[in-house]
């Protein structure tokens, strides 16, 4: 749909909890488009709609890994490329 409207898109598989996956995704963007101008951390996770007091420690850990660590890894992997662009 993006391409049919005149845009361009590239797919890169990425596990948001994996720093190396995020690094590979950034590399695909840099190699494909010649650099990085913006990086959006927008991963999230749904654990069945339970209320806070109903979540297990595994639920909390999964959320922490995706939302906090995933965002941290994204910034770590993208920032050197963003700094190169000024």
PDB file of N, CA and C in Angstrom:
ATOM      1  N   UNK A   1       0.814  -1.176   0.000  1.00  0.00           N
ATOM      2  CA  UNK A   1       0.000   0.000   0.000  1.00  0.00           C
ATOM      3  C   UNK A   1       0.877   1.267   0.000  1.00  0.00           C
ATOM      4  N   UNK A   2       1.951   1.257   0.756  1.00  0.00           N
ATOM      5  CA  UNK A   2       2.850   2.408   0.784  1.00  0.00           C
ATOM      6  C   UNK A   2       3.406   2.675  -0.610  1.00  0.00           C
ATOM      7  N   UNK A   3       3.885   1.613  -1.237  1.00  0.00           N
ATOM      8  CA  UNK A   3       4.477   1.768  -2.564  1.00  0.00           C
ATOM      9  C   UNK A   3       3.430   2.150  -3.607  1.00  0.00           C
ATOM     10  N   UNK A   4       2.207   1.630  -3.482  1.00  0.00           N
ATOM     11  CA  UNK A   4       1.159   1.982  -4.443  1.00  0.00           C
ATOM     12  C   UNK A   4       0.770   3.450  -4.349  1.00  0.00           C
ATOM     13  N   UNK A   5       1.073   4.077  -3.229  1.00  0.00           N
ATOM     14  CA  UNK A   5       0.802   5.507  -3.042  1.00  0.00           C
ATOM     15  C   UNK A   5       2.034   6.368  -3.331  1.00  0.00           C
ATOM     16  N   UNK A   6       3.091   5.747  -3.875  1.00  0.00           N
ATOM     17  CA  UNK A   6       4.283   6.488  -4.268  1.00  0.00           C
ATOM     18  C   UNK A   6       5.369   6.554  -3.214  1.00  0.00           C
ATOM     19  N   UNK A   7       5.172   5.877  -2.092  1.00  0.00           N
ATOM     20  CA  UNK A   7       6.177   5.879  -1.037  1.00  0.00           C
ATOM     21  C   UNK A   7       7.138   4.722  -1.169  1.00  0.00           C
ATOM     22  N   UNK A   8       8.024   4.610  -0.217  1.00  0.00           N
ATOM     23  CA  UNK A   8       9.006   3.538  -0.209  1.00  0.00           C
ATOM     24  C   UNK A   8       9.051   2.960   1.193  1.00  0.00           C
ATOM     25  N   UNK A   9       9.149   1.645   1.284  1.00  0.00           N
ATOM     26  CA  UNK A   9       9.195   0.975   2.585  1.00  0.00           C
ATOM     27  C   UNK A   9      10.167  -0.189   2.523  1.00  0.00           C
ATOM     28  N   UNK A  10      10.775  -0.482   3.642  1.00  0.00           N
ATOM     29  CA  UNK A  10      11.689  -1.607   3.761  1.00  0.00           C
ATOM     30  C   UNK A  10      11.350  -2.353   5.040  1.00  0.00           C
ATOM     31  N   UNK A  11      11.330  -3.664   4.978  1.00  0.00           N
ATOM     32  CA  UNK A  11      11.035  -4.498   6.137  1.00  0.00           C
ATOM     33  C   UNK A  11      12.331  -5.020   6.732  1.00  0.00           C
ATOM     34  N   UNK A  12      12.417  -4.992   8.053  1.00  0.00           N
ATOM     35  CA  UNK A  12      13.520  -5.630   8.769  1.00  0.00           C
ATOM     36  C   UNK A  12      12.934  -6.286  10.011  1.00  0.00           C
ATOM     37  N   UNK A  13      13.057  -7.596  10.118  1.00  0.00           N
ATOM     38  CA  UNK A  13      12.561  -8.302  11.296  1.00  0.00           C
ATOM     39  C   UNK A  13      13.355  -7.854  12.518  1.00  0.00           C
ATOM     40  N   UNK A  14      12.672  -7.632  13.633  1.00  0.00           N
ATOM     41  CA  UNK A  14      13.370  -7.146  14.816  1.00  0.00           C
ATOM     42  C   UNK A  14      12.656  -7.567  16.087  1.00  0.00           C
ATOM     43  N   UNK A  15      13.382  -8.181  17.003  1.00  0.00           N
ATOM     44  CA  UNK A  15      12.909  -8.456  18.353  1.00  0.00           C
ATOM     45  C   UNK A  15      13.320  -7.259  19.194  1.00  0.00           C
ATOM     46  N   UNK A  16      12.351  -6.516  19.718  1.00  0.00           N
ATOM     47  CA  UNK A  16      12.639  -5.280  20.443  1.00  0.00           C
ATOM     48  C   UNK A  16      13.410  -5.508  21.733  1.00  0.00           C
ATOM     49  N   UNK A  17      13.521  -6.762  22.176  1.00  0.00           N
ATOM     50  CA  UNK A  17      14.288  -7.037  23.392  1.00  0.00           C
ATOM     51  C   UNK A  17      15.727  -7.432  23.089  1.00  0.00           C
ATOM     52  N   UNK A  18      16.097  -7.398  21.815  1.00  0.00           N
ATOM     53  CA  UNK A  18      17.430  -7.819  21.403  1.00  0.00           C
ATOM     54  C   UNK A  18      18.222  -6.635  20.846  1.00  0.00           C
ATOM     55  N   UNK A  19      19.263  -6.261  21.559  1.00  0.00           N
ATOM     56  CA  UNK A  19      20.110  -5.162  21.102  1.00  0.00           C
ATOM     57  C   UNK A  19      20.704  -5.458  19.728  1.00  0.00           C
ATOM     58  N   UNK A  20      21.100  -6.709  19.488  1.00  0.00           N
ATOM     59  CA  UNK A  20      21.694  -7.047  18.189  1.00  0.00           C
ATOM     60  C   UNK A  20      20.650  -6.983  17.066  1.00  0.00           C
ATOM     61  N   UNK A  21      19.404  -7.401  17.334  1.00  0.00           N
ATOM     62  CA  UNK A  21      18.348  -7.268  16.326  1.00  0.00           C
ATOM     63  C   UNK A  21      18.098  -5.799  15.998  1.00  0.00           C
ATOM     64  N   UNK A  22      18.049  -4.975  17.020  1.00  0.00           N
ATOM     65  CA  UNK A  22      17.822  -3.542  16.797  1.00  0.00           C
ATOM     66  C   UNK A  22      18.990  -2.958  16.018  1.00  0.00           C
ATOM     67  N   UNK A  23      20.206  -3.367  16.361  1.00  0.00           N
ATOM     68  CA  UNK A  23      21.376  -2.913  15.624  1.00  0.00           C
ATOM     69  C   UNK A  23      21.315  -3.299  14.165  1.00  0.00           C
ATOM     70  N   UNK A  24      20.851  -4.518  13.886  1.00  0.00           N
ATOM     71  CA  UNK A  24      20.717  -4.971  12.496  1.00  0.00           C
ATOM     72  C   UNK A  24      19.638  -4.171  11.772  1.00  0.00           C
ATOM     73  N   UNK A  25      18.538  -3.851  12.463  1.00  0.00           N
ATOM     74  CA  UNK A  25      17.471  -3.053  11.854  1.00  0.00           C
ATOM     75  C   UNK A  25      17.992  -1.653  11.504  1.00  0.00           C
ATOM     76  N   UNK A  26      18.755  -1.057  12.403  1.00  0.00           N
ATOM     77  CA  UNK A  26      19.339   0.257  12.127  1.00  0.00           C
ATOM     78  C   UNK A  26      20.293   0.157  10.944  1.00  0.00           C
ATOM     79  N   UNK A  27      21.092  -0.906  10.898  1.00  0.00           N
ATOM     80  CA  UNK A  27      22.025  -1.098   9.785  1.00  0.00           C
ATOM     81  C   UNK A  27      21.278  -1.212   8.459  1.00  0.00           C
ATOM     82  N   UNK A  28      20.160  -1.933   8.442  1.00  0.00           N
ATOM     83  CA  UNK A  28      19.359  -2.054   7.221  1.00  0.00           C
ATOM     84  C   UNK A  28      18.888  -0.670   6.775  1.00  0.00           C
ATOM     85  N   UNK A  29      18.417   0.133   7.717  1.00  0.00           N
ATOM     86  CA  UNK A  29      17.951   1.487   7.378  1.00  0.00           C
ATOM     87  C   UNK A  29      19.090   2.344   6.836  1.00  0.00           C
ATOM     88  N   UNK A  30      20.233   2.289   7.494  1.00  0.00           N
ATOM     89  CA  UNK A  30      21.386   3.089   7.062  1.00  0.00           C
ATOM     90  C   UNK A  30      21.879   2.630   5.692  1.00  0.00           C
ATOM     91  N   UNK A  31      21.994   1.320   5.504  1.00  0.00           N
ATOM     92  CA  UNK A  31      22.459   0.791   4.217  1.00  0.00           C
ATOM     93  C   UNK A  31      21.465   1.079   3.087  1.00  0.00           C
ATOM     94  N   UNK A  32      20.188   1.015   3.395  1.00  0.00           N
ATOM     95  CA  UNK A  32      19.157   1.199   2.368  1.00  0.00           C
ATOM     96  C   UNK A  32      18.968   2.659   1.996  1.00  0.00           C
ATOM     97  N   UNK A  33      18.980   3.528   2.995  1.00  0.00           N
ATOM     98  CA  UNK A  33      18.625   4.928   2.765  1.00  0.00           C
ATOM     99  C   UNK A  33      19.794   5.901   2.934  1.00  0.00           C
ATOM    100  N   UNK A  34      20.990   5.380   3.207  1.00  0.00           N
ATOM    101  CA  UNK A  34      22.168   6.228   3.265  1.00  0.00           C
ATOM    102  C   UNK A  34      22.383   6.953   4.571  1.00  0.00           C
ATOM    103  N   UNK A  35      21.605   6.680   5.565  1.00  0.00           N
ATOM    104  CA  UNK A  35      21.778   7.318   6.863  1.00  0.00           C
ATOM    105  C   UNK A  35      20.502   7.224   7.671  1.00  0.00           C
ATOM    106  N   UNK A  36      20.547   7.793   8.853  1.00  0.00           N
ATOM    107  CA  UNK A  36      19.415   7.786   9.761  1.00  0.00           C
ATOM    108  C   UNK A  36      19.136   9.219  10.178  1.00  0.00           C
ATOM    109  N   UNK A  37      17.913   9.667   9.983  1.00  0.00           N
ATOM    110  CA  UNK A  37      17.510  11.017  10.369  1.00  0.00           C
ATOM    111  C   UNK A  37      16.619  11.029  11.599  1.00  0.00           C
ATOM    112  N   UNK A  38      15.925   9.934  11.837  1.00  0.00           N
ATOM    113  CA  UNK A  38      14.994   9.838  12.952  1.00  0.00           C
ATOM    114  C   UNK A  38      14.901   8.379  13.368  1.00  0.00           C
ATOM    115  N   UNK A  39      14.650   8.142  14.632  1.00  0.00           N
ATOM    116  CA  UNK A  39      14.447   6.786  15.135  1.00  0.00           C
ATOM    117  C   UNK A  39      13.271   6.829  16.092  1.00  0.00           C
ATOM    118  N   UNK A  40      12.274   6.020  15.839  1.00  0.00           N
ATOM    119  CA  UNK A  40      11.074   5.996  16.678  1.00  0.00           C
ATOM    120  C   UNK A  40      11.031   4.684  17.450  1.00  0.00           C
ATOM    121  N   UNK A  41      11.042   4.774  18.769  1.00  0.00           N
ATOM    122  CA  UNK A  41      10.868   3.609  19.633  1.00  0.00           C
ATOM    123  C   UNK A  41       9.380   3.451  19.894  1.00  0.00           C
ATOM    124  N   UNK A  42       8.750   2.472  19.267  1.00  0.00           N
ATOM    125  CA  UNK A  42       7.305   2.340  19.457  1.00  0.00           C
ATOM    126  C   UNK A  42       6.870   0.902  19.719  1.00  0.00           C
ATOM    127  N   UNK A  43       7.732   0.104  20.295  1.00  0.00           N
ATOM    128  CA  UNK A  43       7.363  -1.265  20.631  1.00  0.00           C
ATOM    129  C   UNK A  43       6.531  -1.275  21.907  1.00  0.00           C
ATOM    130  N   UNK A  44       5.645  -2.221  21.988  1.00  0.00           N
ATOM    131  CA  UNK A  44       4.835  -2.391  23.186  1.00  0.00           C
ATOM    132  C   UNK A  44       4.473  -3.850  23.340  1.00  0.00           C
ATOM    133  N   UNK A  45       3.802  -4.155  24.419  1.00  0.00           N
ATOM    134  CA  UNK A  45       3.435  -5.543  24.692  1.00  0.00           C
ATOM    135  C   UNK A  45       2.095  -5.555  25.421  1.00  0.00           C
ATOM    136  N   UNK A  46       1.296  -6.544  25.121  1.00  0.00           N
ATOM    137  CA  UNK A  46      -0.015  -6.705  25.745  1.00  0.00           C
ATOM    138  C   UNK A  46      -0.010  -8.012  26.522  1.00  0.00           C
ATOM    139  N   UNK A  47      -0.332  -7.950  27.788  1.00  0.00           N
ATOM    140  CA  UNK A  47      -0.301  -9.135  28.640  1.00  0.00           C
ATOM    141  C   UNK A  47      -1.697  -9.551  29.113  1.00  0.00           C
ATOM    142  N   UNK A  48      -2.675  -9.481  28.247  1.00  0.00           N
ATOM    143  CA  UNK A  48      -3.982 -10.013  28.542  1.00  0.00           C
ATOM    144  C   UNK A  48      -4.935  -9.094  29.276  1.00  0.00           C
ATOM    145  N   UNK A  49      -4.592  -7.844  29.460  1.00  0.00           N
ATOM    146  CA  UNK A  49      -5.516  -6.886  30.039  1.00  0.00           C
ATOM    147  C   UNK A  49      -5.709  -6.976  31.534  1.00  0.00           C
ATOM    148  N   UNK A  50      -4.838  -7.682  32.226  1.00  0.00           N
ATOM    149  CA  UNK A  50      -4.969  -7.787  33.676  1.00  0.00           C
ATOM    150  C   UNK A  50      -4.691  -6.463  34.369  1.00  0.00           C
ATOM    151  N   UNK A  51      -5.306  -6.314  35.519  1.00  0.00           N
ATOM    152  CA  UNK A  51      -5.007  -5.132  36.338  1.00  0.00           C
ATOM    153  C   UNK A  51      -3.653  -5.317  37.003  1.00  0.00           C
ATOM    154  N   UNK A  52      -3.074  -4.231  37.466  1.00  0.00           N
ATOM    155  CA  UNK A  52      -1.722  -4.264  38.016  1.00  0.00           C
ATOM    156  C   UNK A  52      -1.564  -5.353  39.076  1.00  0.00           C
ATOM    157  N   UNK A  53      -2.515  -5.473  39.972  1.00  0.00           N
ATOM    158  CA  UNK A  53      -2.395  -6.459  41.050  1.00  0.00           C
ATOM    159  C   UNK A  53      -2.590  -7.899  40.559  1.00  0.00           C
ATOM    160  N   UNK A  54      -2.990  -8.054  39.300  1.00  0.00           N
ATOM    161  CA  UNK A  54      -3.196  -9.383  38.720  1.00  0.00           C
ATOM    162  C   UNK A  54      -2.012  -9.846  37.872  1.00  0.00           C
ATOM    163  N   UNK A  55      -1.069  -8.968  37.605  1.00  0.00           N
ATOM    164  CA  UNK A  55       0.069  -9.317  36.754  1.00  0.00           C
ATOM    165  C   UNK A  55       1.090 -10.138  37.528  1.00  0.00           C
ATOM    166  N   UNK A  56       1.623 -11.139  36.858  1.00  0.00           N
ATOM    167  CA  UNK A  56       2.686 -11.935  37.462  1.00  0.00           C
ATOM    168  C   UNK A  56       4.031 -11.227  37.275  1.00  0.00           C
ATOM    169  N   UNK A  57       5.019 -11.699  37.964  1.00  0.00           N
ATOM    170  CA  UNK A  57       6.361 -11.139  37.801  1.00  0.00           C
ATOM    171  C   UNK A  57       6.853 -11.377  36.373  1.00  0.00           C
ATOM    172  N   UNK A  58       6.435 -12.476  35.750  1.00  0.00           N
ATOM    173  CA  UNK A  58       6.800 -12.728  34.355  1.00  0.00           C
ATOM    174  C   UNK A  58       6.180 -11.688  33.425  1.00  0.00           C
ATOM    175  N   UNK A  59       4.924 -11.292  33.721  1.00  0.00           N
ATOM    176  CA  UNK A  59       4.274 -10.237  32.938  1.00  0.00           C
ATOM    177  C   UNK A  59       5.042  -8.923  33.074  1.00  0.00           C
ATOM    178  N   UNK A  60       5.400  -8.583  34.292  1.00  0.00           N
ATOM    179  CA  UNK A  60       6.123  -7.331  34.548  1.00  0.00           C
ATOM    180  C   UNK A  60       7.481  -7.360  33.865  1.00  0.00           C
ATOM    181  N   UNK A  61       8.182  -8.490  33.954  1.00  0.00           N
ATOM    182  CA  UNK A  61       9.500  -8.619  33.320  1.00  0.00           C
ATOM    183  C   UNK A  61       9.394  -8.493  31.805  1.00  0.00           C
ATOM    184  N   UNK A  62       8.368  -9.097  31.210  1.00  0.00           N
ATOM    185  CA  UNK A  62       8.175  -8.990  29.764  1.00  0.00           C
ATOM    186  C   UNK A  62       7.936  -7.541  29.361  1.00  0.00           C
ATOM    187  N   UNK A  63       7.097  -6.839  30.115  1.00  0.00           N
ATOM    188  CA  UNK A  63       6.853  -5.421  29.828  1.00  0.00           C
ATOM    189  C   UNK A  63       8.127  -4.610  29.978  1.00  0.00           C
ATOM    190  N   UNK A  64       8.878  -4.845  31.034  1.00  0.00           N
ATOM    191  CA  UNK A  64      10.140  -4.139  31.279  1.00  0.00           C
ATOM    192  C   UNK A  64      11.109  -4.365  30.115  1.00  0.00           C
ATOM    193  N   UNK A  65      11.210  -5.622  29.674  1.00  0.00           N
ATOM    194  CA  UNK A  65      12.148  -5.950  28.601  1.00  0.00           C
ATOM    195  C   UNK A  65      11.800  -5.235  27.299  1.00  0.00           C
ATOM    196  N   UNK A  66      10.525  -5.172  26.961  1.00  0.00           N
ATOM    197  CA  UNK A  66      10.114  -4.554  25.699  1.00  0.00           C
ATOM    198  C   UNK A  66      10.117  -3.033  25.807  1.00  0.00           C
ATOM    199  N   UNK A  67       9.429  -2.516  26.803  1.00  0.00           N
ATOM    200  CA  UNK A  67       9.190  -1.073  26.875  1.00  0.00           C
ATOM    201  C   UNK A  67      10.422  -0.294  27.327  1.00  0.00           C
ATOM    202  N   UNK A  68      11.084  -0.753  28.367  1.00  0.00           N
ATOM    203  CA  UNK A  68      12.222   0.003  28.905  1.00  0.00           C
ATOM    204  C   UNK A  68      13.526  -0.405  28.231  1.00  0.00           C
ATOM    205  N   UNK A  69      13.865  -1.679  28.309  1.00  0.00           N
ATOM    206  CA  UNK A  69      15.130  -2.114  27.714  1.00  0.00           C
ATOM    207  C   UNK A  69      15.116  -1.960  26.198  1.00  0.00           C
ATOM    208  N   UNK A  70      13.984  -2.266  25.571  1.00  0.00           N
ATOM    209  CA  UNK A  70      13.892  -2.115  24.125  1.00  0.00           C
ATOM    210  C   UNK A  70      14.122  -0.684  23.683  1.00  0.00           C
ATOM    211  N   UNK A  71      13.540   0.265  24.419  1.00  0.00           N
ATOM    212  CA  UNK A  71      13.755   1.679  24.108  1.00  0.00           C
ATOM    213  C   UNK A  71      15.215   2.068  24.334  1.00  0.00           C
ATOM    214  N   UNK A  72      15.787   1.575  25.404  1.00  0.00           N
ATOM    215  CA  UNK A  72      17.199   1.857  25.708  1.00  0.00           C
ATOM    216  C   UNK A  72      18.100   1.317  24.597  1.00  0.00           C
ATOM    217  N   UNK A  73      17.872   0.059  24.197  1.00  0.00           N
ATOM    218  CA  UNK A  73      18.675  -0.538  23.120  1.00  0.00           C
ATOM    219  C   UNK A  73      18.509   0.252  21.819  1.00  0.00           C
ATOM    220  N   UNK A  74      17.291   0.679  21.530  1.00  0.00           N
ATOM    221  CA  UNK A  74      17.050   1.464  20.324  1.00  0.00           C
ATOM    222  C   UNK A  74      17.865   2.738  20.311  1.00  0.00           C
ATOM    223  N   UNK A  75      17.848   3.445  21.436  1.00  0.00           N
ATOM    224  CA  UNK A  75      18.641   4.683  21.532  1.00  0.00           C
ATOM    225  C   UNK A  75      20.122   4.386  21.392  1.00  0.00           C
ATOM    226  N   UNK A  76      20.588   3.344  22.064  1.00  0.00           N
ATOM    227  CA  UNK A  76      22.008   2.987  21.967  1.00  0.00           C
ATOM    228  C   UNK A  76      22.420   2.691  20.526  1.00  0.00           C
ATOM    229  N   UNK A  77      21.600   1.948  19.826  1.00  0.00           N
ATOM    230  CA  UNK A  77      21.952   1.542  18.465  1.00  0.00           C
ATOM    231  C   UNK A  77      21.828   2.688  17.464  1.00  0.00           C
ATOM    232  N   UNK A  78      20.905   3.603  17.690  1.00  0.00           N
ATOM    233  CA  UNK A  78      20.636   4.659  16.713  1.00  0.00           C
ATOM    234  C   UNK A  78      21.456   5.925  16.922  1.00  0.00           C
ATOM    235  N   UNK A  79      21.845   6.209  18.129  1.00  0.00           N
ATOM    236  CA  UNK A  79      22.392   7.533  18.432  1.00  0.00           C
ATOM    237  C   UNK A  79      23.675   7.856  17.675  1.00  0.00           C
ATOM    238  N   UNK A  80      24.550   6.894  17.485  1.00  0.00           N
ATOM    239  CA  UNK A  80      25.801   7.197  16.762  1.00  0.00           C
ATOM    240  C   UNK A  80      25.495   7.585  15.318  1.00  0.00           C
ATOM    241  N   UNK A  81      24.515   6.949  14.711  1.00  0.00           N
ATOM    242  CA  UNK A  81      24.133   7.297  13.342  1.00  0.00           C
ATOM    243  C   UNK A  81      23.448   8.675  13.299  1.00  0.00           C
ATOM    244  N   UNK A  82      22.631   8.947  14.303  1.00  0.00           N
ATOM    245  CA  UNK A  82      21.957  10.247  14.367  1.00  0.00           C
ATOM    246  C   UNK A  82      22.983  11.366  14.566  1.00  0.00           C
ATOM    247  N   UNK A  83      23.984  11.135  15.391  1.00  0.00           N
ATOM    248  CA  UNK A  83      25.021  12.145  15.626  1.00  0.00           C
ATOM    249  C   UNK A  83      25.805  12.430  14.337  1.00  0.00           C
ATOM    250  N   UNK A  84      26.008  11.402  13.522  1.00  0.00           N
ATOM    251  CA  UNK A  84      26.701  11.618  12.247  1.00  0.00           C
ATOM    252  C   UNK A  84      25.939  12.558  11.340  1.00  0.00           C
ATOM    253  N   UNK A  85      24.602  12.572  11.462  1.00  0.00           N
ATOM    254  CA  UNK A  85      23.769  13.441  10.642  1.00  0.00           C
ATOM    255  C   UNK A  85      23.665  14.854  11.198  1.00  0.00           C
ATOM    256  N   UNK A  86      24.188  15.029  12.404  1.00  0.00           N
ATOM    257  CA  UNK A  86      24.177  16.369  13.016  1.00  0.00           C
ATOM    258  C   UNK A  86      22.874  16.687  13.689  1.00  0.00           C
TER     259      UNK A  86
END
